[in-house]
Amino acid sequence: MRRFGVVAVLLLSVVATNAQMQTAIDKFKTTYESELKRGGVVGSSFAIVANGKVTRFNFGSADLAKDLAVDDDTIWQWASNTKPFTGIAIMQLRDRGLLKLDDPVTKYLPELRKVHNSHGSMDDITIRQLMTHSAGFRGGTWPWGSGADWEPFEPTEYSQLVAMFPYTEIRFKPGSKFSYSNPGIIFLGKIIEKLSGEDYEVYIDKNIFRPLGMTRSYFDTTPPHLLKHRSHSYYIKGGKRTEGRFDADTGITVSNSGLNSPIGDMLKYVQFLIAGDEIVLKRSSLEEMWKPQLPVEVDANGNRGFTTDIGLIYFLDTTLGKRHFGHGGDQNGFISYIDVDPDKALATIIVFNTDIYIADNAPPESSVVASLRRSVRAFFK
């Protein structure tokens, strides 16, 4: 009888926990919709994995001109949430014995020796430093750009980047600190291509997307059969709304930001992060990516107060959990955040198709997007 009593108490505890989570989700939905309306966001989706259950809701329009509502099939551009897939690919190649994380990058990309490095030899910069944004490279791919329509969205050929190497410098002692760098991830993408003998997009599709069942995920230009689901993107500045580029070509920066995917596919990805899939990556190698490498004050989208450390690609926030990690994305009007706590079997995904500029003197943390992110993070406390 005592054993049955213990079981009953445990069952009641589970029911209470589930009820509390559902109450929190219902409360968030109200906040989510009111904040999106307040900010003028055109469209958004949210998903949470909690207690073995997935809850999703959508808001607004995917394409105003087409009168296309956001639904479960809507395809979003995930910007820098592409980077973790690049990191997973590097770990796959490491586990196959094709590279070591502390190998010099020049072992695979000798052309990088043309970069000016007043802090030492370019041969001292490692793959690990690229994965922790601590190699000393600048933040943006282009060192210039006015945003004019005639300008390419990003460099379209690696040769364009190589041509700039003699005019590129390492800005601080490699390994000494974190400084977010898109070029560093481009170099990881090139290493994947060199060691696999395949285009980056082909490698990721064969070694990550297909094993995880992410059948509607792709890079850059949308295939015709999925165009009806593709979200447009928007900017709001000074109360005026303009359109982003549709199907922007991320070119050589595809390993940074080229991913397009519906929420359903991204849920398969976060389920992999929570539960693992040895076919894709050994669990121990995946968990290695969540170990703190360097202290960090800003996240992938440049916001403060949402991260404490950088792991291997992933951003960590140990204030929310011992292994709480995630990544953000912000490009061409699309903004996204993914947060995961594998110990709590809890994950959230939130994505917007509208980038809202705030006043020049206002901190990024005051935006509607940042406000909603704080609300999302409450699930993990």
Protein backbone atom coordinates (compact mmCIF):
# COMPACT_ATOMS: atom_id res chain seq x y z
CA MET A 1 0.00 0.00 0.00
CA ARG A 2 2.87 2.36 0.83
CA ARG A 3 4.39 1.77 -2.64
CA PHE A 4 1.09 2.65 -4.33
CA GLY A 5 0.90 5.78 -2.20
CA VAL A 6 4.33 6.91 -3.39
CA VAL A 7 3.34 6.29 -7.01
CA ALA A 8 0.16 8.33 -6.53
CA VAL A 9 2.15 11.24 -5.10
CA LEU A 10 4.55 11.14 -8.05
CA LEU A 11 1.67 11.08 -10.53
CA LEU A 12 0.04 14.05 -8.82
CA SER A 13 3.37 15.89 -8.96
CA VAL A 14 3.65 15.27 -12.72
CA VAL A 15 0.07 16.42 -13.28
CA ALA A 16 0.75 19.57 -11.25
CA THR A 17 3.94 20.28 -13.22
CA ASN A 18 2.13 19.83 -16.53
CA ALA A 19 -0.69 22.10 -15.39
CA GLN A 20 1.78 24.79 -14.31
CA MET A 21 3.55 24.65 -17.65
CA GLN A 22 0.26 24.90 -19.56
CA THR A 23 -0.72 27.92 -17.47
CA ALA A 24 2.64 29.53 -18.27
CA ILE A 25 2.19 28.80 -22.00
CA ASP A 26 -1.32 30.27 -22.01
CA LYS A 27 -0.06 33.39 -20.24
CA PHE A 28 2.81 33.74 -22.69
CA LYS A 29 0.47 33.46 -25.68
CA THR A 30 -1.44 36.51 -24.48
CA THR A 31 1.80 38.46 -24.03
CA TYR A 32 3.13 37.23 -27.37
CA GLU A 33 0.14 38.43 -29.35
CA SER A 34 -0.14 41.78 -27.59
CA GLU A 35 3.59 42.55 -28.00
CA LEU A 36 3.57 41.64 -31.68
CA LYS A 37 0.61 43.91 -32.30
CA ARG A 38 2.24 46.71 -30.31
CA GLY A 39 5.42 46.47 -32.36
CA GLY A 40 3.76 46.12 -35.74
CA VAL A 41 5.37 42.73 -36.43
CA VAL A 42 3.94 41.31 -39.67
CA GLY A 43 4.33 37.60 -38.88
CA SER A 44 5.76 35.23 -36.31
CA SER A 45 5.74 31.65 -35.03
CA PHE A 46 6.50 30.13 -31.64
CA ALA A 47 7.00 26.56 -30.49
CA ILE A 48 7.85 25.00 -27.13
CA VAL A 49 8.87 21.45 -26.29
CA ALA A 50 7.99 20.74 -22.65
CA ASN A 51 7.07 17.60 -20.71
CA GLY A 52 7.32 15.58 -23.91
CA LYS A 53 4.69 17.73 -25.61
CA VAL A 54 4.97 20.27 -28.43
CA THR A 55 2.84 23.42 -28.35
CA ARG A 56 2.81 25.81 -31.31
CA PHE A 57 1.07 29.01 -32.29
CA ASN A 58 1.33 31.41 -35.20
CA PHE A 59 0.66 35.10 -35.72
CA GLY A 60 -0.04 37.43 -38.61
CA SER A 61 0.98 37.33 -42.24
CA ALA A 62 3.80 35.53 -44.06
CA ASP A 63 3.34 37.69 -47.15
CA LEU A 64 1.15 40.77 -47.17
CA ALA A 65 1.06 41.14 -50.95
CA LYS A 66 -0.15 37.56 -51.37
CA ASP A 67 -2.50 37.72 -48.35
CA LEU A 68 -0.68 34.65 -47.04
CA ALA A 69 -1.24 33.92 -43.35
CA VAL A 70 1.47 32.39 -41.16
CA ASP A 71 0.73 28.71 -40.53
CA ASP A 72 2.55 25.53 -39.55
CA ASP A 73 3.97 25.19 -43.08
CA THR A 74 5.45 28.69 -43.30
CA ILE A 75 9.13 28.68 -44.26
CA TRP A 76 11.44 31.15 -42.52
CA GLN A 77 14.99 32.28 -43.11
CA TRP A 78 16.99 31.38 -39.98
CA ALA A 79 20.03 33.64 -40.48
CA SER A 80 22.75 32.85 -37.93
CA ASN A 81 20.83 29.87 -36.57
CA THR A 82 22.58 28.23 -39.53
CA LYS A 83 25.90 28.38 -37.66
CA PRO A 84 25.21 25.48 -35.26
CA PHE A 85 24.69 23.17 -38.25
CA THR A 86 28.16 24.19 -39.42
CA GLY A 87 29.50 23.42 -35.95
CA ILE A 88 27.83 19.99 -35.88
CA ALA A 89 29.38 19.21 -39.28
CA ILE A 90 32.85 20.14 -37.98
CA MET A 91 32.34 17.82 -34.99
CA GLN A 92 31.27 15.02 -37.35
CA LEU A 93 34.48 15.43 -39.33
CA ARG A 94 36.48 15.50 -36.08
CA ASP A 95 34.86 12.26 -34.93
CA ARG A 96 35.72 10.65 -38.28
CA GLY A 97 39.37 11.50 -37.72
CA LEU A 98 39.57 14.03 -40.54
CA LEU A 99 40.54 17.00 -38.36
CA LYS A 100 41.35 18.10 -34.82
CA LEU A 101 39.80 21.16 -33.21
CA ASP A 102 43.24 22.51 -32.32
CA ASP A 103 44.58 22.08 -35.85
CA PRO A 104 45.79 25.32 -37.46
CA VAL A 105 43.23 26.66 -39.92
CA THR A 106 46.02 27.18 -42.45
CA LYS A 107 46.49 23.40 -42.60
CA TYR A 108 43.28 23.34 -44.64
CA LEU A 109 43.13 26.93 -45.94
CA PRO A 110 46.76 27.98 -46.58
CA GLU A 111 45.53 31.09 -48.41
CA LEU A 112 44.80 32.62 -44.99
CA ARG A 113 48.54 33.20 -44.57
CA LYS A 114 48.00 36.34 -46.68
CA VAL A 115 46.07 37.95 -43.80
CA HIS A 116 48.04 40.53 -41.80
CA ASN A 117 48.60 39.33 -38.23
CA SER A 118 50.62 41.60 -35.95
CA HIS A 119 49.94 39.25 -33.01
CA GLY A 120 51.86 36.27 -34.37
CA SER A 121 51.70 33.68 -37.10
CA MET A 122 48.50 32.86 -38.97
CA ASP A 123 49.52 29.23 -38.44
CA ASP A 124 48.70 29.68 -34.74
CA ILE A 125 44.96 30.30 -35.36
CA THR A 126 42.94 27.14 -34.76
CA ILE A 127 39.61 25.63 -35.77
CA ARG A 128 38.53 25.85 -32.12
CA GLN A 129 39.12 29.61 -32.16
CA LEU A 130 36.90 29.95 -35.24
CA MET A 131 34.19 28.01 -33.39
CA THR A 132 34.43 30.31 -30.36
CA HIS A 133 34.63 33.57 -32.36
CA SER A 134 38.02 34.24 -30.77
CA ALA A 135 40.33 34.10 -33.82
CA GLY A 136 40.53 37.88 -34.19
CA PHE A 137 38.73 38.33 -37.51
CA ARG A 138 36.36 41.27 -38.10
CA GLY A 139 32.62 40.86 -37.52
CA GLY A 140 31.13 41.46 -40.97
CA THR A 141 31.95 39.72 -44.23
CA TRP A 142 32.33 42.99 -46.15
CA PRO A 143 34.49 45.72 -44.59
CA TRP A 144 32.26 48.27 -46.38
CA GLY A 145 28.81 48.60 -47.92
CA SER A 146 26.08 51.20 -48.23
CA GLY A 147 23.15 48.82 -48.61
CA ALA A 148 22.40 49.99 -52.15
CA ASP A 149 20.17 47.73 -54.25
CA TRP A 150 22.93 47.11 -56.80
CA GLU A 151 25.27 45.68 -54.17
CA PRO A 152 25.38 41.89 -53.77
CA PHE A 153 23.66 40.74 -50.58
CA GLU A 154 26.89 38.99 -49.61
CA PRO A 155 30.03 37.95 -51.52
CA THR A 156 28.99 35.27 -53.99
CA GLU A 157 32.39 33.61 -54.53
CA TYR A 158 35.16 32.60 -52.14
CA SER A 159 37.69 34.20 -54.50
CA GLN A 160 36.23 37.59 -53.57
CA LEU A 161 37.07 36.97 -49.95
CA VAL A 162 40.54 35.65 -50.78
CA ALA A 163 41.23 38.81 -52.80
CA MET A 164 40.63 40.82 -49.62
CA PHE A 165 43.02 38.77 -47.44
CA PRO A 166 46.05 41.06 -48.04
CA TYR A 167 43.84 43.93 -46.85
CA THR A 168 42.49 42.03 -43.83
CA GLU A 169 43.98 42.10 -40.34
CA ILE A 170 43.71 40.09 -37.16
CA ARG A 171 42.34 42.59 -34.67
CA PHE A 172 43.42 41.06 -31.34
CA LYS A 173 45.52 38.21 -29.99
CA PRO A 174 43.76 35.02 -31.10
CA GLY A 175 42.18 33.08 -28.25
CA SER A 176 42.26 36.04 -25.86
CA LYS A 177 38.61 37.07 -26.11
CA PHE A 178 35.27 36.64 -27.88
CA SER A 179 34.38 38.84 -30.85
CA TYR A 180 31.56 37.68 -33.13
CA SER A 181 32.88 36.97 -36.62
CA ASN A 182 31.00 35.88 -39.72
CA PRO A 183 34.17 35.35 -41.79
CA GLY A 184 35.38 32.82 -39.23
CA ILE A 185 32.32 30.65 -39.90
CA ILE A 186 32.83 30.98 -43.65
CA PHE A 187 36.26 29.42 -43.15
CA LEU A 188 34.67 26.52 -41.25
CA GLY A 189 32.33 26.02 -44.20
CA LYS A 190 35.29 25.91 -46.59
CA ILE A 191 37.04 23.33 -44.40
CA ILE A 192 33.89 21.16 -44.53
CA GLU A 193 33.94 21.37 -48.32
CA LYS A 194 37.64 20.62 -48.60
CA LEU A 195 37.55 17.55 -46.34
CA SER A 196 34.24 16.12 -47.58
CA GLY A 197 34.76 16.87 -51.27
CA GLU A 198 31.19 18.19 -51.44
CA ASP A 199 29.51 21.59 -51.51
CA TYR A 200 28.60 22.78 -48.03
CA GLU A 201 24.87 22.60 -48.81
CA VAL A 202 25.13 19.03 -50.11
CA TYR A 203 27.13 17.90 -47.08
CA ILE A 204 24.65 19.35 -44.56
CA ASP A 205 21.68 17.89 -46.43
CA LYS A 206 23.19 14.39 -46.55
CA ASN A 207 24.68 14.30 -43.07
CA ILE A 208 22.24 16.32 -40.94
CA PHE A 209 18.96 17.18 -42.69
CA ARG A 210 18.21 13.74 -44.10
CA PRO A 211 19.05 11.73 -40.96
CA LEU A 212 16.88 14.07 -38.87
CA GLY A 213 14.01 14.02 -41.38
CA MET A 214 14.28 17.74 -42.16
CA THR A 215 12.86 17.21 -45.65
CA ARG A 216 11.66 20.78 -46.25
CA SER A 217 14.88 22.54 -45.24
CA TYR A 218 17.21 24.05 -47.83
CA PHE A 219 19.70 26.84 -48.46
CA ASP A 220 19.10 30.13 -50.26
CA THR A 221 16.75 30.02 -53.29
CA THR A 222 13.41 28.38 -52.55
CA PRO A 223 12.51 25.38 -54.76
CA PRO A 224 9.33 26.05 -56.78
CA HIS A 225 7.20 23.48 -54.94
CA LEU A 226 7.79 25.32 -51.64
CA LEU A 227 7.37 28.92 -52.85
CA LYS A 228 3.74 29.03 -51.72
CA HIS A 229 4.95 28.60 -48.13
CA ARG A 230 7.89 31.02 -48.19
CA SER A 231 7.59 34.02 -45.89
CA HIS A 232 8.57 37.45 -47.13
CA SER A 233 10.41 39.76 -44.73
CA TYR A 234 9.97 43.34 -43.59
CA TYR A 235 11.61 46.25 -41.84
CA ILE A 236 9.93 48.92 -39.75
CA LYS A 237 11.82 52.16 -39.21
CA GLY A 238 10.33 55.42 -38.03
CA GLY A 239 6.86 53.89 -38.29
CA LYS A 240 7.36 53.08 -41.99
CA ARG A 241 7.32 49.49 -43.27
CA THR A 242 9.51 48.35 -46.18
CA GLU A 243 10.19 44.91 -47.65
CA GLY A 244 13.36 42.87 -47.31
CA ARG A 245 14.88 40.94 -50.19
CA PHE A 246 12.90 37.82 -51.12
CA ASP A 247 15.06 34.68 -51.25
CA ALA A 248 18.27 36.61 -50.55
CA ASP A 249 21.38 34.89 -51.88
CA THR A 250 23.75 34.45 -48.94
CA GLY A 251 26.50 33.45 -51.36
CA ILE A 252 29.78 32.50 -49.73
CA THR A 253 28.22 33.16 -46.30
CA VAL A 254 25.83 30.20 -46.63
CA SER A 255 27.51 28.43 -43.68
CA ASN A 256 26.70 31.53 -41.62
CA SER A 257 23.15 32.26 -42.53
CA GLY A 258 21.74 30.43 -45.55
CA LEU A 259 19.23 28.11 -43.85
CA ASN A 260 15.52 28.21 -44.73
CA SER A 261 13.15 25.88 -42.91
CA PRO A 262 9.63 25.53 -41.47
CA ILE A 263 9.18 25.29 -37.71
CA GLY A 264 8.29 21.61 -38.04
CA ASP A 265 11.77 20.80 -39.34
CA MET A 266 13.42 22.96 -36.70
CA LEU A 267 11.50 21.04 -34.04
CA LYS A 268 13.19 17.88 -35.31
CA TYR A 269 16.50 19.67 -34.85
CA VAL A 270 15.77 20.71 -31.25
CA GLN A 271 14.49 17.23 -30.41
CA PHE A 272 17.91 16.00 -31.58
CA LEU A 273 19.58 18.52 -29.27
CA ILE A 274 17.46 17.33 -26.33
CA ALA A 275 17.53 13.57 -26.87
CA GLY A 276 20.42 13.02 -29.29
CA ASP A 277 20.78 10.91 -32.40
CA GLU A 278 24.00 8.91 -32.61
CA ILE A 279 23.62 8.58 -36.38
CA VAL A 280 24.12 12.35 -36.69
CA LEU A 281 26.64 12.96 -33.91
CA LYS A 282 27.88 11.15 -30.82
CA ARG A 283 26.14 12.48 -27.74
CA SER A 284 29.46 13.16 -26.02
CA SER A 285 30.56 15.29 -28.98
CA LEU A 286 27.28 17.22 -28.98
CA GLU A 287 27.60 17.88 -25.26
CA GLU A 288 31.18 19.03 -25.84
CA MET A 289 29.71 21.91 -27.83
CA TRP A 290 27.88 23.15 -24.73
CA LYS A 291 30.92 23.46 -22.48
CA PRO A 292 31.98 27.06 -21.70
CA GLN A 293 35.07 28.21 -23.59
CA LEU A 294 35.12 31.99 -23.05
CA PRO A 295 33.01 34.55 -21.18
CA VAL A 296 30.58 36.49 -23.38
CA GLU A 297 28.41 39.56 -22.72
CA VAL A 298 26.47 39.80 -26.00
CA ASP A 299 24.52 37.15 -27.90
CA ALA A 300 24.55 36.36 -31.63
CA ASN A 301 22.14 39.25 -32.27
CA GLY A 302 24.18 41.77 -30.28
CA ASN A 303 21.87 41.90 -27.25
CA ARG A 304 23.15 42.02 -23.68
CA GLY A 305 21.84 40.13 -20.70
CA PHE A 306 21.03 36.88 -22.50
CA THR A 307 24.30 34.93 -22.36
CA THR A 308 27.25 34.23 -20.09
CA ASP A 309 29.65 32.13 -22.19
CA ILE A 310 30.43 30.86 -25.66
CA GLY A 311 30.81 27.12 -26.19
CA LEU A 312 31.68 25.61 -29.55
CA ILE A 313 29.37 27.76 -31.72
CA TYR A 314 26.53 27.69 -29.16
CA PHE A 315 25.91 30.53 -26.70
CA LEU A 316 25.38 29.50 -23.07
CA ASP A 317 23.49 31.09 -20.21
CA THR A 318 24.44 29.33 -17.00
CA THR A 319 22.09 31.59 -15.03
CA LEU A 320 19.17 29.64 -16.54
CA GLY A 321 20.67 26.17 -16.25
CA LYS A 322 23.97 24.34 -16.01
CA ARG A 323 23.81 23.48 -19.73
CA HIS A 324 21.32 26.01 -21.07
CA PHE A 325 22.37 26.92 -24.61
CA GLY A 326 21.07 28.34 -27.86
CA HIS A 327 21.68 30.66 -30.76
CA GLY A 328 20.06 33.62 -32.47
CA GLY A 329 19.71 34.86 -36.02
CA ASP A 330 19.15 38.31 -37.51
CA GLN A 331 19.34 38.96 -41.25
CA ASN A 332 17.31 40.46 -44.09
CA GLY A 333 14.38 41.27 -41.81
CA PHE A 334 14.20 37.82 -40.20
CA ILE A 335 14.96 37.37 -36.50
CA SER A 336 15.03 34.06 -34.64
CA TYR A 337 16.02 32.55 -31.31
CA ILE A 338 16.37 28.93 -30.24
CA ASP A 339 16.89 28.02 -26.57
CA VAL A 340 17.46 24.52 -25.21
CA ASP A 341 17.95 22.98 -21.78
CA PRO A 342 18.60 19.25 -22.28
CA ASP A 343 18.55 18.58 -18.54
CA LYS A 344 14.97 19.89 -18.34
CA ALA A 345 14.03 18.37 -21.74
CA LEU A 346 12.83 21.88 -22.58
CA ALA A 347 13.27 23.94 -25.75
CA THR A 348 11.74 27.02 -27.37
CA ILE A 349 11.78 28.41 -30.90
CA ILE A 350 10.63 31.89 -31.82
CA VAL A 351 10.93 33.54 -35.23
CA PHE A 352 9.81 36.86 -36.73
CA ASN A 353 9.68 38.12 -40.32
CA THR A 354 9.95 41.76 -39.23
CA ASP A 355 13.00 43.67 -38.03
CA ILE A 356 11.97 46.75 -36.07
CA TYR A 357 14.46 49.58 -35.80
CA ILE A 358 14.34 51.35 -32.48
CA ALA A 359 15.42 54.90 -31.67
CA ASP A 360 19.15 55.52 -32.05
CA ASN A 361 19.57 56.29 -28.36
CA ALA A 362 17.57 53.25 -27.19
CA PRO A 363 19.33 50.01 -26.18
CA PRO A 364 18.53 46.90 -28.26
CA GLU A 365 17.17 45.29 -25.10
CA SER A 366 14.21 47.71 -25.20
CA SER A 367 12.80 46.33 -28.47
CA VAL A 368 9.62 44.26 -28.78
CA VAL A 369 11.70 41.28 -29.91
CA ALA A 370 13.97 41.52 -26.86
CA SER A 371 10.93 41.89 -24.61
CA LEU A 372 9.44 38.69 -26.00
CA ARG A 373 12.73 36.90 -25.64
CA ARG A 374 12.76 37.76 -21.96
CA SER A 375 9.26 36.29 -21.70
CA VAL A 376 10.40 33.12 -23.47
CA ARG A 377 13.34 32.73 -21.12
CA ALA A 378 10.94 32.70 -18.16
CA PHE A 379 10.02 29.13 -19.13
CA PHE A 380 13.54 28.01 -18.18
CA LYS A 381 13.68 29.63 -14.73
